[in-house]
C-alpha atoms as a PDB file:
ATOM      1  CA  MET A   1     148.013   1.857 155.260  1.00  0.00           C
ATOM      2  CA  LYS A   2     148.498  -1.611 157.224  1.00  0.00           C
ATOM      3  CA  LYS A   3     147.279  -0.993 160.724  1.00  0.00           C
ATOM      4  CA  ASN A   4     149.328  -2.561 163.647  1.00  0.00           C
ATOM      5  CA  LEU A   5     147.238  -5.514 165.277  1.00  0.00           C
ATOM      6  CA  LEU A   6     147.628  -8.232 168.096  1.00  0.00           C
ATOM      7  CA  LYS A   7     145.800 -11.591 167.113  1.00  0.00           C
ATOM      8  CA  SER A   8     143.530 -12.671 169.854  1.00  0.00           C
ATOM      9  CA  THR A   9     140.891 -15.164 170.347  1.00  0.00           C
ATOM     10  CA  ASP A  10     137.040 -14.781 171.403  1.00  0.00           C
ATOM     11  CA  ARG A  11     134.494 -17.005 173.307  1.00  0.00           C
ATOM     12  CA  ASN A  12     135.098 -19.641 170.149  1.00  0.00           C
ATOM     13  CA  ASN A  13     138.395 -19.714 170.007  1.00  0.00           C
ATOM     14  CA  ALA A  14     138.712 -17.493 166.363  1.00  0.00           C
ATOM     15  CA  GLU A  15     141.694 -15.710 166.213  1.00  0.00           C
ATOM     16  CA  VAL A  16     140.428 -11.752 165.755  1.00  0.00           C
ATOM     17  CA  ALA A  17     141.894  -8.960 165.412  1.00  0.00           C
ATOM     18  CA  THR A  18     142.573  -6.146 168.482  1.00  0.00           C
ATOM     19  CA  PRO A  19     144.172  -2.913 168.865  1.00  0.00           C
ATOM     20  CA  TYR A  20     147.528  -2.534 170.574  1.00  0.00           C
ATOM     21  CA  GLU A  21     147.020  -1.538 173.502  1.00  0.00           C
ATOM     22  CA  GLY A  22     146.936   2.595 173.562  1.00  0.00           C
ATOM     23  CA  GLN A  23     146.227   2.910 169.942  1.00  0.00           C
ATOM     24  CA  VAL A  24     142.782   5.150 169.646  1.00  0.00           C
ATOM     25  CA  LYS A  25     139.195   3.694 168.725  1.00  0.00           C
ATOM     26  CA  VAL A  26     137.233   4.595 166.265  1.00  0.00           C
ATOM     27  CA  ASP A  27     134.590   6.495 168.343  1.00  0.00           C
ATOM     28  CA  ASP A  28     137.373   8.288 170.469  1.00  0.00           C
ATOM     29  CA  LEU A  29     138.791   9.327 167.091  1.00  0.00           C
ATOM     30  CA  ARG A  30     135.513  11.040 165.668  1.00  0.00           C
ATOM     31  CA  GLU A  31     134.867  12.409 169.374  1.00  0.00           C
ATOM     32  CA  ILE A  32     138.859  13.998 169.052  1.00  0.00           C
ATOM     33  CA  ILE A  33     137.611  15.641 165.257  1.00  0.00           C
ATOM     34  CA  ARG A  34     134.366  16.567 166.651  1.00  0.00           C
ATOM     35  CA  GLU A  35     135.992  18.708 169.467  1.00  0.00           C
ATOM     36  CA  GLU A  36     138.923  20.160 167.280  1.00  0.00           C
ATOM     37  CA  ILE A  37     136.229  21.365 164.403  1.00  0.00           C
ATOM     38  CA  SER A  38     133.965  23.159 167.403  1.00  0.00           C
ATOM     39  CA  SER A  39     137.076  24.615 168.255  1.00  0.00           C
ATOM     40  CA  LEU A  40     138.663  26.074 165.047  1.00  0.00           C
ATOM     41  CA  THR A  41     134.576  26.926 164.445  1.00  0.00           C
ATOM     42  CA  ARG A  42     134.527  29.243 167.276  1.00  0.00           C
ATOM     43  CA  LYS A  43     134.610  32.652 166.414  1.00  0.00           C
ATOM     44  CA  ARG A  44     137.796  34.654 168.589  1.00  0.00           C
ATOM     45  CA  GLU A  45     137.047  37.349 170.770  1.00  0.00           C
ATOM     46  CA  ILE A  46     140.301  39.748 170.875  1.00  0.00           C
ATOM     47  CA  TYR A  47     143.019  39.642 168.248  1.00  0.00           C
ATOM     48  CA  THR A  48     146.612  41.204 167.603  1.00  0.00           C
ATOM     49  CA  SER A  49     147.819  43.682 165.192  1.00  0.00           C
ATOM     50  CA  LYS A  50     149.700  40.846 163.870  1.00  0.00           C
ATOM     51  CA  GLU A  51     146.501  37.992 163.255  1.00  0.00           C
ATOM     52  CA  VAL A  52     144.524  41.202 162.190  1.00  0.00           C
ATOM     53  CA  MET A  53     147.120  41.903 159.776  1.00  0.00           C
ATOM     54  CA  GLU A  54     147.101  38.157 158.605  1.00  0.00           C
ATOM     55  CA  VAL A  55     143.281  38.041 158.747  1.00  0.00           C
ATOM     56  CA  LEU A  56     142.914  40.932 156.813  1.00  0.00           C
ATOM     57  CA  GLY A  57     145.610  40.631 154.374  1.00  0.00           C
ATOM     58  CA  VAL A  58     146.927  43.913 154.771  1.00  0.00           C
ATOM     59  CA  GLY A  59     150.660  45.198 156.264  1.00  0.00           C
ATOM     60  CA  GLU A  60     151.378  47.019 159.093  1.00  0.00           C
ATOM     61  CA  LYS A  61     151.613  50.691 157.783  1.00  0.00           C
ATOM     62  CA  LEU A  62     147.941  49.878 156.194  1.00  0.00           C
ATOM     63  CA  LEU A  63     146.586  48.653 159.753  1.00  0.00           C
ATOM     64  CA  LYS A  64     148.365  51.633 160.909  1.00  0.00           C
ATOM     65  CA  ARG A  65     146.108  53.979 158.681  1.00  0.00           C
ATOM     66  CA  TYR A  66     142.971  52.372 159.474  1.00  0.00           C
ATOM     67  CA  ARG A  67     143.339  52.689 163.258  1.00  0.00           C
ATOM     68  CA  ASP A  68     144.727  56.189 162.479  1.00  0.00           C
ATOM     69  CA  ASN A  69     141.645  57.103 160.318  1.00  0.00           C
ATOM     70  CA  GLY A  70     139.106  55.750 162.461  1.00  0.00           C
ATOM     71  CA  TYR A  71     138.381  53.118 160.754  1.00  0.00           C
ATOM     72  CA  LEU A  72     139.009  50.053 163.077  1.00  0.00           C
ATOM     73  CA  SER A  73     138.217  50.710 166.473  1.00  0.00           C
ATOM     74  CA  TYR A  74     140.901  49.301 168.827  1.00  0.00           C
ATOM     75  CA  SER A  75     142.240  48.569 172.551  1.00  0.00           C
ATOM     76  CA  HIS A  76     145.770  50.302 172.949  1.00  0.00           C
ATOM     77  CA  PHE A  77     147.466  49.645 176.383  1.00  0.00           C
ATOM     78  CA  GLY A  78     152.051  50.897 176.025  1.00  0.00           C
ATOM     79  CA  ASP A  79     152.706  49.571 172.259  1.00  0.00           C
ATOM     80  CA  LYS A  80     150.640  46.697 172.257  1.00  0.00           C
ATOM     81  CA  TYR A  81     147.085  47.077 170.598  1.00  0.00           C
ATOM     82  CA  TRP A  82     143.745  44.775 170.443  1.00  0.00           C
ATOM     83  CA  TYR A  83     140.779  44.473 168.156  1.00  0.00           C
ATOM     84  CA  ARG A  84     137.718  42.663 169.612  1.00  0.00           C
ATOM     85  CA  GLN A  85     135.950  40.567 166.482  1.00  0.00           C
ATOM     86  CA  GLN A  86     132.624  42.649 166.330  1.00  0.00           C
ATOM     87  CA  ASP A  87     134.899  45.624 165.902  1.00  0.00           C
ATOM     88  CA  ILE A  88     136.680  43.564 162.653  1.00  0.00           C
ATOM     89  CA  ASP A  89     133.161  42.686 161.506  1.00  0.00           C
ATOM     90  CA  LYS A  90     131.792  45.861 161.630  1.00  0.00           C
ATOM     91  CA  PHE A  91     135.203  47.073 159.510  1.00  0.00           C
ATOM     92  CA  LEU A  92     134.373  44.373 157.102  1.00  0.00           C
ATOM     93  CA  ALA A  93     130.987  45.096 156.509  1.00  0.00           C
ATOM     94  CA  SER A  94     131.010  48.795 156.419  1.00  0.00           C
ATOM     95  CA  ASN A  95     133.124  48.039 153.544  1.00  0.00           C
ATOM     96  CA  ARG A  96     131.383  45.848 152.153  1.00  0.00           C
ATOM     97  CA  TYR A  97     129.849  46.096 148.483  1.00  0.00           C
ATOM     98  CA  GLU A  98     126.855  44.199 147.034  1.00  0.00           C
ATOM     99  CA  ALA A  99     127.325  42.191 143.667  1.00  0.00           C
ATOM    100  CA  PHE A 100     125.196  44.054 141.553  1.00  0.00           C
ATOM    101  CA  ASN A 101     125.211  41.871 138.322  1.00  0.00           C
ATOM    102  CA  CYS A 102     123.846  38.475 139.300  1.00  0.00           C
ATOM    103  CA  THR A 103     122.036  37.070 136.525  1.00  0.00           C
END
């Protein structure tokens, strides 16, 4: 991919390429990438039902069964349900089975 560069001269009148105004510098780009990775790796604290269904890969009926049977803790107000990260982690840990045939 060809970069859009302007021609400029340095102290010795040698032609050098400089980025267009507004173009992101490599160091700035590295910082942006670092911030994005950091934000992606931070754990969320509260999830909606829809988000929990996506995370667990289950449908609405199964999620309701987990709630109704006391498998997954939640908060409820009106017709909205919220789930804490620690409750999701606890649910997953309580349903985890260790491998027994490791070589």
